[in-house]
């Protein structure tokens, strides 16, 4: 599988999980009291989404820091090897 397909499948899976969770809670009309307090449901969904956003943000920040550290200019593998000067006899 190509990396684009794997990322697409992952995003679609996460979106379906979150949307299913939202639909189950938003359309749940039966509680022990017989009514739904939508304000509590909205804050609960907000809290869940903020937790997911912070986790995704932490992962993205970690990847960015890794890429910057790995491909920095002073890294041994990224240094340009200059050919020897022509007059040195080497």
PDB file of N, CA and C in Angstrom:
ATOM      1  N   UNK A   1       0.823  -1.178   0.000  1.00  0.00           N
ATOM      2  CA  UNK A   1       0.000   0.000   0.000  1.00  0.00           C
ATOM      3  C   UNK A   1       0.868   1.242   0.000  1.00  0.00           C
ATOM      4  N   UNK A   2       0.430   2.235  -0.705  1.00  0.00           N
ATOM      5  CA  UNK A   2       1.153   3.491  -0.732  1.00  0.00           C
ATOM      6  C   UNK A   2       0.872   4.272   0.545  1.00  0.00           C
ATOM      7  N   UNK A   3       1.827   5.107   0.975  1.00  0.00           N
ATOM      8  CA  UNK A   3       1.622   5.869   2.211  1.00  0.00           C
ATOM      9  C   UNK A   3       0.373   6.754   2.177  1.00  0.00           C
ATOM     10  N   UNK A   4       0.026   7.296   1.007  1.00  0.00           N
ATOM     11  CA  UNK A   4      -1.168   8.142   0.920  1.00  0.00           C
ATOM     12  C   UNK A   4      -2.427   7.342   1.254  1.00  0.00           C
ATOM     13  N   UNK A   5      -2.478   6.103   0.781  1.00  0.00           N
ATOM     14  CA  UNK A   5      -3.647   5.263   1.039  1.00  0.00           C
ATOM     15  C   UNK A   5      -3.762   4.917   2.514  1.00  0.00           C
ATOM     16  N   UNK A   6      -2.641   4.664   3.156  1.00  0.00           N
ATOM     17  CA  UNK A   6      -2.659   4.327   4.582  1.00  0.00           C
ATOM     18  C   UNK A   6      -3.145   5.523   5.389  1.00  0.00           C
ATOM     19  N   UNK A   7      -2.661   6.709   5.067  1.00  0.00           N
ATOM     20  CA  UNK A   7      -3.088   7.916   5.773  1.00  0.00           C
ATOM     21  C   UNK A   7      -4.577   8.154   5.542  1.00  0.00           C
ATOM     22  N   UNK A   8      -5.024   7.984   4.312  1.00  0.00           N
ATOM     23  CA  UNK A   8      -6.442   8.177   3.997  1.00  0.00           C
ATOM     24  C   UNK A   8      -7.318   7.204   4.770  1.00  0.00           C
ATOM     25  N   UNK A   9      -6.918   5.940   4.827  1.00  0.00           N
ATOM     26  CA  UNK A   9      -7.692   4.947   5.575  1.00  0.00           C
ATOM     27  C   UNK A   9      -7.724   5.288   7.060  1.00  0.00           C
ATOM     28  N   UNK A  10      -6.604   5.745   7.603  1.00  0.00           N
ATOM     29  CA  UNK A  10      -6.567   6.125   9.010  1.00  0.00           C
ATOM     30  C   UNK A  10      -7.480   7.296   9.308  1.00  0.00           C
ATOM     31  N   UNK A  11      -7.450   8.305   8.456  1.00  0.00           N
ATOM     32  CA  UNK A  11      -8.303   9.480   8.654  1.00  0.00           C
ATOM     33  C   UNK A  11      -9.768   9.094   8.541  1.00  0.00           C
ATOM     34  N   UNK A  12     -10.116   8.284   7.560  1.00  0.00           N
ATOM     35  CA  UNK A  12     -11.510   7.854   7.404  1.00  0.00           C
ATOM     36  C   UNK A  12     -11.978   7.036   8.602  1.00  0.00           C
ATOM     37  N   UNK A  13     -11.111   6.192   9.125  1.00  0.00           N
ATOM     38  CA  UNK A  13     -11.482   5.393  10.301  1.00  0.00           C
ATOM     39  C   UNK A  13     -11.725   6.288  11.507  1.00  0.00           C
ATOM     40  N   UNK A  14     -10.836   7.255  11.748  1.00  0.00           N
ATOM     41  CA  UNK A  14     -11.016   8.161  12.883  1.00  0.00           C
ATOM     42  C   UNK A  14     -12.277   9.003  12.731  1.00  0.00           C
ATOM     43  N   UNK A  15     -12.516   9.498  11.516  1.00  0.00           N
ATOM     44  CA  UNK A  15     -13.717  10.308  11.300  1.00  0.00           C
ATOM     45  C   UNK A  15     -14.982   9.494  11.532  1.00  0.00           C
ATOM     46  N   UNK A  16     -14.997   8.246  11.099  1.00  0.00           N
ATOM     47  CA  UNK A  16     -16.191   7.429  11.299  1.00  0.00           C
ATOM     48  C   UNK A  16     -16.406   7.118  12.778  1.00  0.00           C
ATOM     49  N   UNK A  17     -15.332   6.895  13.522  1.00  0.00           N
ATOM     50  CA  UNK A  17     -15.478   6.630  14.955  1.00  0.00           C
ATOM     51  C   UNK A  17     -16.040   7.851  15.665  1.00  0.00           C
ATOM     52  N   UNK A  18     -15.472   9.035  15.371  1.00  0.00           N
ATOM     53  CA  UNK A  18     -15.943  10.246  16.037  1.00  0.00           C
ATOM     54  C   UNK A  18     -17.373  10.590  15.629  1.00  0.00           C
ATOM     55  N   UNK A  19     -17.708  10.439  14.361  1.00  0.00           N
ATOM     56  CA  UNK A  19     -19.062  10.776  13.930  1.00  0.00           C
ATOM     57  C   UNK A  19     -20.073   9.787  14.505  1.00  0.00           C
ATOM     58  N   UNK A  20     -19.721   8.525  14.594  1.00  0.00           N
ATOM     59  CA  UNK A  20     -20.627   7.534  15.184  1.00  0.00           C
ATOM     60  C   UNK A  20     -20.851   7.843  16.657  1.00  0.00           C
ATOM     61  N   UNK A  21     -19.797   8.194  17.368  1.00  0.00           N
ATOM     62  CA  UNK A  21     -19.913   8.556  18.771  1.00  0.00           C
ATOM     63  C   UNK A  21     -20.832   9.766  18.933  1.00  0.00           C
ATOM     64  N   UNK A  22     -20.669  10.759  18.069  1.00  0.00           N
ATOM     65  CA  UNK A  22     -21.509  11.950  18.132  1.00  0.00           C
ATOM     66  C   UNK A  22     -22.962  11.605  17.858  1.00  0.00           C
ATOM     67  N   UNK A  23     -23.216  10.801  16.837  1.00  0.00           N
ATOM     68  CA  UNK A  23     -24.596  10.465  16.484  1.00  0.00           C
ATOM     69  C   UNK A  23     -25.275   9.658  17.578  1.00  0.00           C
ATOM     70  N   UNK A  24     -24.541   8.765  18.206  1.00  0.00           N
ATOM     71  CA  UNK A  24     -25.137   7.961  19.278  1.00  0.00           C
ATOM     72  C   UNK A  24     -25.551   8.858  20.434  1.00  0.00           C
ATOM     73  N   UNK A  25     -24.677   9.822  20.801  1.00  0.00           N
ATOM     74  CA  UNK A  25     -24.999  10.680  21.940  1.00  0.00           C
ATOM     75  C   UNK A  25     -26.027  11.746  21.578  1.00  0.00           C
ATOM     76  N   UNK A  26     -25.952  12.293  20.386  1.00  0.00           N
ATOM     77  CA  UNK A  26     -26.847  13.383  20.011  1.00  0.00           C
ATOM     78  C   UNK A  26     -28.280  12.918  19.824  1.00  0.00           C
ATOM     79  N   UNK A  27     -28.479  11.701  19.345  1.00  0.00           N
ATOM     80  CA  UNK A  27     -29.831  11.223  19.086  1.00  0.00           C
ATOM     81  C   UNK A  27     -30.346  10.283  20.177  1.00  0.00           C
ATOM     82  N   UNK A  28     -29.624  10.208  21.277  1.00  0.00           N
ATOM     83  CA  UNK A  28     -30.087   9.371  22.385  1.00  0.00           C
ATOM     84  C   UNK A  28     -31.196  10.110  23.115  1.00  0.00           C
ATOM     85  N   UNK A  29     -32.413   9.635  22.976  1.00  0.00           N
ATOM     86  CA  UNK A  29     -33.558  10.330  23.563  1.00  0.00           C
ATOM     87  C   UNK A  29     -34.071   9.619  24.806  1.00  0.00           C
ATOM     88  N   UNK A  30     -33.450   8.530  25.188  1.00  0.00           N
ATOM     89  CA  UNK A  30     -33.952   7.835  26.363  1.00  0.00           C
ATOM     90  C   UNK A  30     -32.919   7.899  27.468  1.00  0.00           C
ATOM     91  N   UNK A  31     -33.290   8.457  28.574  1.00  0.00           N
ATOM     92  CA  UNK A  31     -32.476   8.475  29.784  1.00  0.00           C
ATOM     93  C   UNK A  31     -33.377   8.011  30.915  1.00  0.00           C
ATOM     94  N   UNK A  32     -32.819   7.746  32.066  1.00  0.00           N
ATOM     95  CA  UNK A  32     -33.695   7.324  33.182  1.00  0.00           C
ATOM     96  C   UNK A  32     -34.792   8.339  33.495  1.00  0.00           C
ATOM     97  N   UNK A  33     -34.515   9.628  33.305  1.00  0.00           N
ATOM     98  CA  UNK A  33     -35.522  10.645  33.590  1.00  0.00           C
ATOM     99  C   UNK A  33     -36.453  10.880  32.403  1.00  0.00           C
ATOM    100  N   UNK A  34     -36.093  10.423  31.233  1.00  0.00           N
ATOM    101  CA  UNK A  34     -36.936  10.585  30.063  1.00  0.00           C
ATOM    102  C   UNK A  34     -36.588  11.788  29.204  1.00  0.00           C
ATOM    103  N   UNK A  35     -35.525  12.527  29.525  1.00  0.00           N
ATOM    104  CA  UNK A  35     -35.126  13.665  28.706  1.00  0.00           C
ATOM    105  C   UNK A  35     -33.596  13.745  28.650  1.00  0.00           C
ATOM    106  N   UNK A  36     -33.112  14.502  27.692  1.00  0.00           N
ATOM    107  CA  UNK A  36     -31.678  14.641  27.468  1.00  0.00           C
ATOM    108  C   UNK A  36     -31.270  16.076  27.763  1.00  0.00           C
ATOM    109  N   UNK A  37     -30.210  16.235  28.535  1.00  0.00           N
ATOM    110  CA  UNK A  37     -29.663  17.569  28.787  1.00  0.00           C
ATOM    111  C   UNK A  37     -28.588  17.797  27.731  1.00  0.00           C
ATOM    112  N   UNK A  38     -28.962  18.513  26.679  1.00  0.00           N
ATOM    113  CA  UNK A  38     -28.061  18.665  25.533  1.00  0.00           C
ATOM    114  C   UNK A  38     -26.821  19.489  25.865  1.00  0.00           C
ATOM    115  N   UNK A  39     -26.926  20.396  26.809  1.00  0.00           N
ATOM    116  CA  UNK A  39     -25.769  21.208  27.173  1.00  0.00           C
ATOM    117  C   UNK A  39     -24.652  20.325  27.724  1.00  0.00           C
ATOM    118  N   UNK A  40     -25.002  19.336  28.533  1.00  0.00           N
ATOM    119  CA  UNK A  40     -23.999  18.418  29.056  1.00  0.00           C
ATOM    120  C   UNK A  40     -23.405  17.563  27.941  1.00  0.00           C
ATOM    121  N   UNK A  41     -24.231  17.148  26.989  1.00  0.00           N
ATOM    122  CA  UNK A  41     -23.715  16.360  25.870  1.00  0.00           C
ATOM    123  C   UNK A  41     -22.747  17.172  25.026  1.00  0.00           C
ATOM    124  N   UNK A  42     -23.068  18.444  24.799  1.00  0.00           N
ATOM    125  CA  UNK A  42     -22.202  19.295  23.990  1.00  0.00           C
ATOM    126  C   UNK A  42     -20.863  19.485  24.684  1.00  0.00           C
ATOM    127  N   UNK A  43     -20.882  19.757  25.991  1.00  0.00           N
ATOM    128  CA  UNK A  43     -19.614  19.933  26.709  1.00  0.00           C
ATOM    129  C   UNK A  43     -18.819  18.636  26.766  1.00  0.00           C
ATOM    130  N   UNK A  44     -19.527  17.511  26.879  1.00  0.00           N
ATOM    131  CA  UNK A  44     -18.838  16.220  26.864  1.00  0.00           C
ATOM    132  C   UNK A  44     -18.157  15.963  25.521  1.00  0.00           C
ATOM    133  N   UNK A  45     -18.851  16.264  24.429  1.00  0.00           N
ATOM    134  CA  UNK A  45     -18.251  16.107  23.109  1.00  0.00           C
ATOM    135  C   UNK A  45     -17.099  17.077  22.912  1.00  0.00           C
ATOM    136  N   UNK A  46     -17.256  18.307  23.409  1.00  0.00           N
ATOM    137  CA  UNK A  46     -16.178  19.291  23.320  1.00  0.00           C
ATOM    138  C   UNK A  46     -14.940  18.781  24.050  1.00  0.00           C
ATOM    139  N   UNK A  47     -15.129  18.230  25.240  1.00  0.00           N
ATOM    140  CA  UNK A  47     -14.014  17.708  26.016  1.00  0.00           C
ATOM    141  C   UNK A  47     -13.324  16.566  25.267  1.00  0.00           C
ATOM    142  N   UNK A  48     -14.104  15.647  24.720  1.00  0.00           N
ATOM    143  CA  UNK A  48     -13.513  14.519  23.980  1.00  0.00           C
ATOM    144  C   UNK A  48     -12.733  15.001  22.762  1.00  0.00           C
ATOM    145  N   UNK A  49     -13.276  15.964  22.038  1.00  0.00           N
ATOM    146  CA  UNK A  49     -12.589  16.474  20.855  1.00  0.00           C
ATOM    147  C   UNK A  49     -11.323  17.243  21.230  1.00  0.00           C
ATOM    148  N   UNK A  50     -11.361  17.957  22.341  1.00  0.00           N
ATOM    149  CA  UNK A  50     -10.162  18.678  22.776  1.00  0.00           C
ATOM    150  C   UNK A  50      -9.061  17.700  23.189  1.00  0.00           C
ATOM    151  N   UNK A  51      -9.425  16.616  23.829  1.00  0.00           N
ATOM    152  CA  UNK A  51      -8.431  15.596  24.174  1.00  0.00           C
ATOM    153  C   UNK A  51      -7.813  15.030  22.901  1.00  0.00           C
ATOM    154  N   UNK A  52      -8.645  14.717  21.918  1.00  0.00           N
ATOM    155  CA  UNK A  52      -8.130  14.198  20.646  1.00  0.00           C
ATOM    156  C   UNK A  52      -7.256  15.234  19.949  1.00  0.00           C
ATOM    157  N   UNK A  53      -7.655  16.517  20.007  1.00  0.00           N
ATOM    158  CA  UNK A  53      -6.876  17.566  19.356  1.00  0.00           C
ATOM    159  C   UNK A  53      -5.512  17.725  20.019  1.00  0.00           C
ATOM    160  N   UNK A  54      -5.460  17.655  21.339  1.00  0.00           N
ATOM    161  CA  UNK A  54      -4.177  17.774  22.024  1.00  0.00           C
ATOM    162  C   UNK A  54      -3.270  16.584  21.715  1.00  0.00           C
ATOM    163  N   UNK A  55      -3.844  15.395  21.608  1.00  0.00           N
ATOM    164  CA  UNK A  55      -3.036  14.217  21.277  1.00  0.00           C
ATOM    165  C   UNK A  55      -2.478  14.340  19.861  1.00  0.00           C
ATOM    166  N   UNK A  56      -3.324  14.723  18.917  1.00  0.00           N
ATOM    167  CA  UNK A  56      -2.858  14.890  17.534  1.00  0.00           C
ATOM    168  C   UNK A  56      -1.815  15.997  17.461  1.00  0.00           C
ATOM    169  N   UNK A  57      -2.029  17.095  18.179  1.00  0.00           N
ATOM    170  CA  UNK A  57      -1.059  18.187  18.192  1.00  0.00           C
ATOM    171  C   UNK A  57       0.276  17.752  18.764  1.00  0.00           C
ATOM    172  N   UNK A  58       0.259  16.951  19.818  1.00  0.00           N
ATOM    173  CA  UNK A  58       1.506  16.467  20.403  1.00  0.00           C
ATOM    174  C   UNK A  58       2.253  15.555  19.434  1.00  0.00           C
ATOM    175  N   UNK A  59       1.519  14.696  18.735  1.00  0.00           N
ATOM    176  CA  UNK A  59       2.159  13.799  17.759  1.00  0.00           C
ATOM    177  C   UNK A  59       2.761  14.605  16.616  1.00  0.00           C
ATOM    178  N   UNK A  60       2.029  15.580  16.106  1.00  0.00           N
ATOM    179  CA  UNK A  60       2.538  16.397  15.005  1.00  0.00           C
ATOM    180  C   UNK A  60       3.764  17.192  15.453  1.00  0.00           C
ATOM    181  N   UNK A  61       3.717  17.768  16.658  1.00  0.00           N
ATOM    182  CA  UNK A  61       4.886  18.494  17.162  1.00  0.00           C
ATOM    183  C   UNK A  61       6.084  17.575  17.304  1.00  0.00           C
ATOM    184  N   UNK A  62       5.872  16.369  17.782  1.00  0.00           N
ATOM    185  CA  UNK A  62       6.966  15.410  17.900  1.00  0.00           C
ATOM    186  C   UNK A  62       7.580  15.063  16.554  1.00  0.00           C
ATOM    187  N   UNK A  63       6.731  14.887  15.550  1.00  0.00           N
ATOM    188  CA  UNK A  63       7.240  14.577  14.209  1.00  0.00           C
ATOM    189  C   UNK A  63       8.031  15.751  13.646  1.00  0.00           C
ATOM    190  N   UNK A  64       7.525  16.966  13.842  1.00  0.00           N
ATOM    191  CA  UNK A  64       8.231  18.148  13.338  1.00  0.00           C
ATOM    192  C   UNK A  64       9.582  18.291  14.025  1.00  0.00           C
ATOM    193  N   UNK A  65       9.615  18.106  15.342  1.00  0.00           N
ATOM    194  CA  UNK A  65      10.889  18.206  16.062  1.00  0.00           C
ATOM    195  C   UNK A  65      11.860  17.131  15.590  1.00  0.00           C
ATOM    196  N   UNK A  66      11.371  15.904  15.387  1.00  0.00           N
ATOM    197  CA  UNK A  66      12.240  14.834  14.895  1.00  0.00           C
ATOM    198  C   UNK A  66      12.812  15.175  13.520  1.00  0.00           C
ATOM    199  N   UNK A  67      11.971  15.655  12.612  1.00  0.00           N
ATOM    200  CA  UNK A  67      12.441  15.970  11.259  1.00  0.00           C
ATOM    201  C   UNK A  67      13.460  17.104  11.296  1.00  0.00           C
ATOM    202  N   UNK A  68      13.198  18.126  12.107  1.00  0.00           N
ATOM    203  CA  UNK A  68      14.158  19.232  12.215  1.00  0.00           C
ATOM    204  C   UNK A  68      15.473  18.735  12.786  1.00  0.00           C
ATOM    205  N   UNK A  69      15.409  17.896  13.817  1.00  0.00           N
ATOM    206  CA  UNK A  69      16.646  17.399  14.443  1.00  0.00           C
ATOM    207  C   UNK A  69      17.380  16.451  13.507  1.00  0.00           C
ATOM    208  N   UNK A  70      16.660  15.610  12.797  1.00  0.00           N
ATOM    209  CA  UNK A  70      17.297  14.602  11.932  1.00  0.00           C
ATOM    210  C   UNK A  70      17.932  15.232  10.702  1.00  0.00           C
ATOM    211  N   UNK A  71      17.291  16.213  10.101  1.00  0.00           N
ATOM    212  CA  UNK A  71      17.773  16.783   8.851  1.00  0.00           C
ATOM    213  C   UNK A  71      18.396  18.158   9.045  1.00  0.00           C
ATOM    214  N   UNK A  72      18.926  18.418  10.237  1.00  0.00           N
ATOM    215  CA  UNK A  72      19.583  19.702  10.466  1.00  0.00           C
ATOM    216  C   UNK A  72      20.866  19.782   9.655  1.00  0.00           C
ATOM    217  N   UNK A  73      21.331  20.976   9.457  1.00  0.00           N
ATOM    218  CA  UNK A  73      22.477  21.201   8.592  1.00  0.00           C
ATOM    219  C   UNK A  73      23.769  20.642   9.185  1.00  0.00           C
ATOM    220  N   UNK A  74      23.880  20.620  10.512  1.00  0.00           N
ATOM    221  CA  UNK A  74      25.117  20.165  11.136  1.00  0.00           C
ATOM    222  C   UNK A  74      25.180  18.647  11.325  1.00  0.00           C
ATOM    223  N   UNK A  75      24.166  17.926  10.887  1.00  0.00           N
ATOM    224  CA  UNK A  75      24.167  16.472  11.024  1.00  0.00           C
ATOM    225  C   UNK A  75      25.245  15.866  10.123  1.00  0.00           C
ATOM    226  N   UNK A  76      25.888  14.787  10.610  1.00  0.00           N
ATOM    227  CA  UNK A  76      26.999  14.189   9.855  1.00  0.00           C
ATOM    228  C   UNK A  76      26.597  13.752   8.452  1.00  0.00           C
ATOM    229  N   UNK A  77      25.445  13.152   8.311  1.00  0.00           N
ATOM    230  CA  UNK A  77      25.026  12.614   7.015  1.00  0.00           C
ATOM    231  C   UNK A  77      24.640  13.706   6.016  1.00  0.00           C
ATOM    232  N   UNK A  78      24.357  14.888   6.499  1.00  0.00           N
ATOM    233  CA  UNK A  78      23.897  15.954   5.611  1.00  0.00           C
ATOM    234  C   UNK A  78      25.001  16.916   5.205  1.00  0.00           C
ATOM    235  N   UNK A  79      26.218  16.655   5.618  1.00  0.00           N
ATOM    236  CA  UNK A  79      27.317  17.537   5.240  1.00  0.00           C
ATOM    237  C   UNK A  79      27.735  17.251   3.801  1.00  0.00           C
ATOM    238  N   UNK A  80      28.078  18.300   3.095  1.00  0.00           N
ATOM    239  CA  UNK A  80      28.524  18.154   1.715  1.00  0.00           C
ATOM    240  C   UNK A  80      30.015  17.873   1.730  1.00  0.00           C
ATOM    241  N   UNK A  81      30.393  16.762   1.118  1.00  0.00           N
ATOM    242  CA  UNK A  81      31.799  16.409   1.057  1.00  0.00           C
ATOM    243  C   UNK A  81      32.408  17.133  -0.141  1.00  0.00           C
ATOM    244  N   UNK A  82      33.369  17.987   0.143  1.00  0.00           N
ATOM    245  CA  UNK A  82      33.991  18.748  -0.930  1.00  0.00           C
ATOM    246  C   UNK A  82      35.119  17.932  -1.553  1.00  0.00           C
ATOM    247  N   UNK A  83      35.215  17.962  -2.866  1.00  0.00           N
ATOM    248  CA  UNK A  83      36.340  17.234  -3.508  1.00  0.00           C
ATOM    249  C   UNK A  83      37.666  17.929  -3.151  1.00  0.00           C
ATOM    250  N   UNK A  84      38.740  17.158  -3.133  1.00  0.00           N
ATOM    251  CA  UNK A  84      40.050  17.773  -2.799  1.00  0.00           C
ATOM    252  C   UNK A  84      40.446  18.816  -3.828  1.00  0.00           C
ATOM    253  N   UNK A  85      41.202  19.783  -3.392  1.00  0.00           N
ATOM    254  CA  UNK A  85      41.679  20.833  -4.297  1.00  0.00           C
ATOM    255  C   UNK A  85      42.596  20.226  -5.348  1.00  0.00           C
ATOM    256  N   UNK A  86      42.665  20.856  -6.532  1.00  0.00           N
ATOM    257  CA  UNK A  86      43.407  20.243  -7.635  1.00  0.00           C
ATOM    258  C   UNK A  86      44.922  20.315  -7.454  1.00  0.00           C
ATOM    259  N   UNK A  87      45.405  21.254  -6.722  1.00  0.00           N
ATOM    260  CA  UNK A  87      46.854  21.400  -6.612  1.00  0.00           C
ATOM    261  C   UNK A  87      47.476  20.668  -5.439  1.00  0.00           C
ATOM    262  N   UNK A  88      46.752  19.856  -4.699  1.00  0.00           N
ATOM    263  CA  UNK A  88      47.295  19.221  -3.503  1.00  0.00           C
ATOM    264  C   UNK A  88      47.957  17.878  -3.804  1.00  0.00           C
ATOM    265  N   UNK A  89      47.788  17.321  -4.957  1.00  0.00           N
ATOM    266  CA  UNK A  89      48.428  16.057  -5.323  1.00  0.00           C
ATOM    267  C   UNK A  89      47.617  14.841  -4.892  1.00  0.00           C
ATOM    268  N   UNK A  90      46.493  15.015  -4.384  1.00  0.00           N
ATOM    269  CA  UNK A  90      45.683  13.877  -3.946  1.00  0.00           C
ATOM    270  C   UNK A  90      44.796  13.401  -5.063  1.00  0.00           C
TER     271      UNK A  90
END
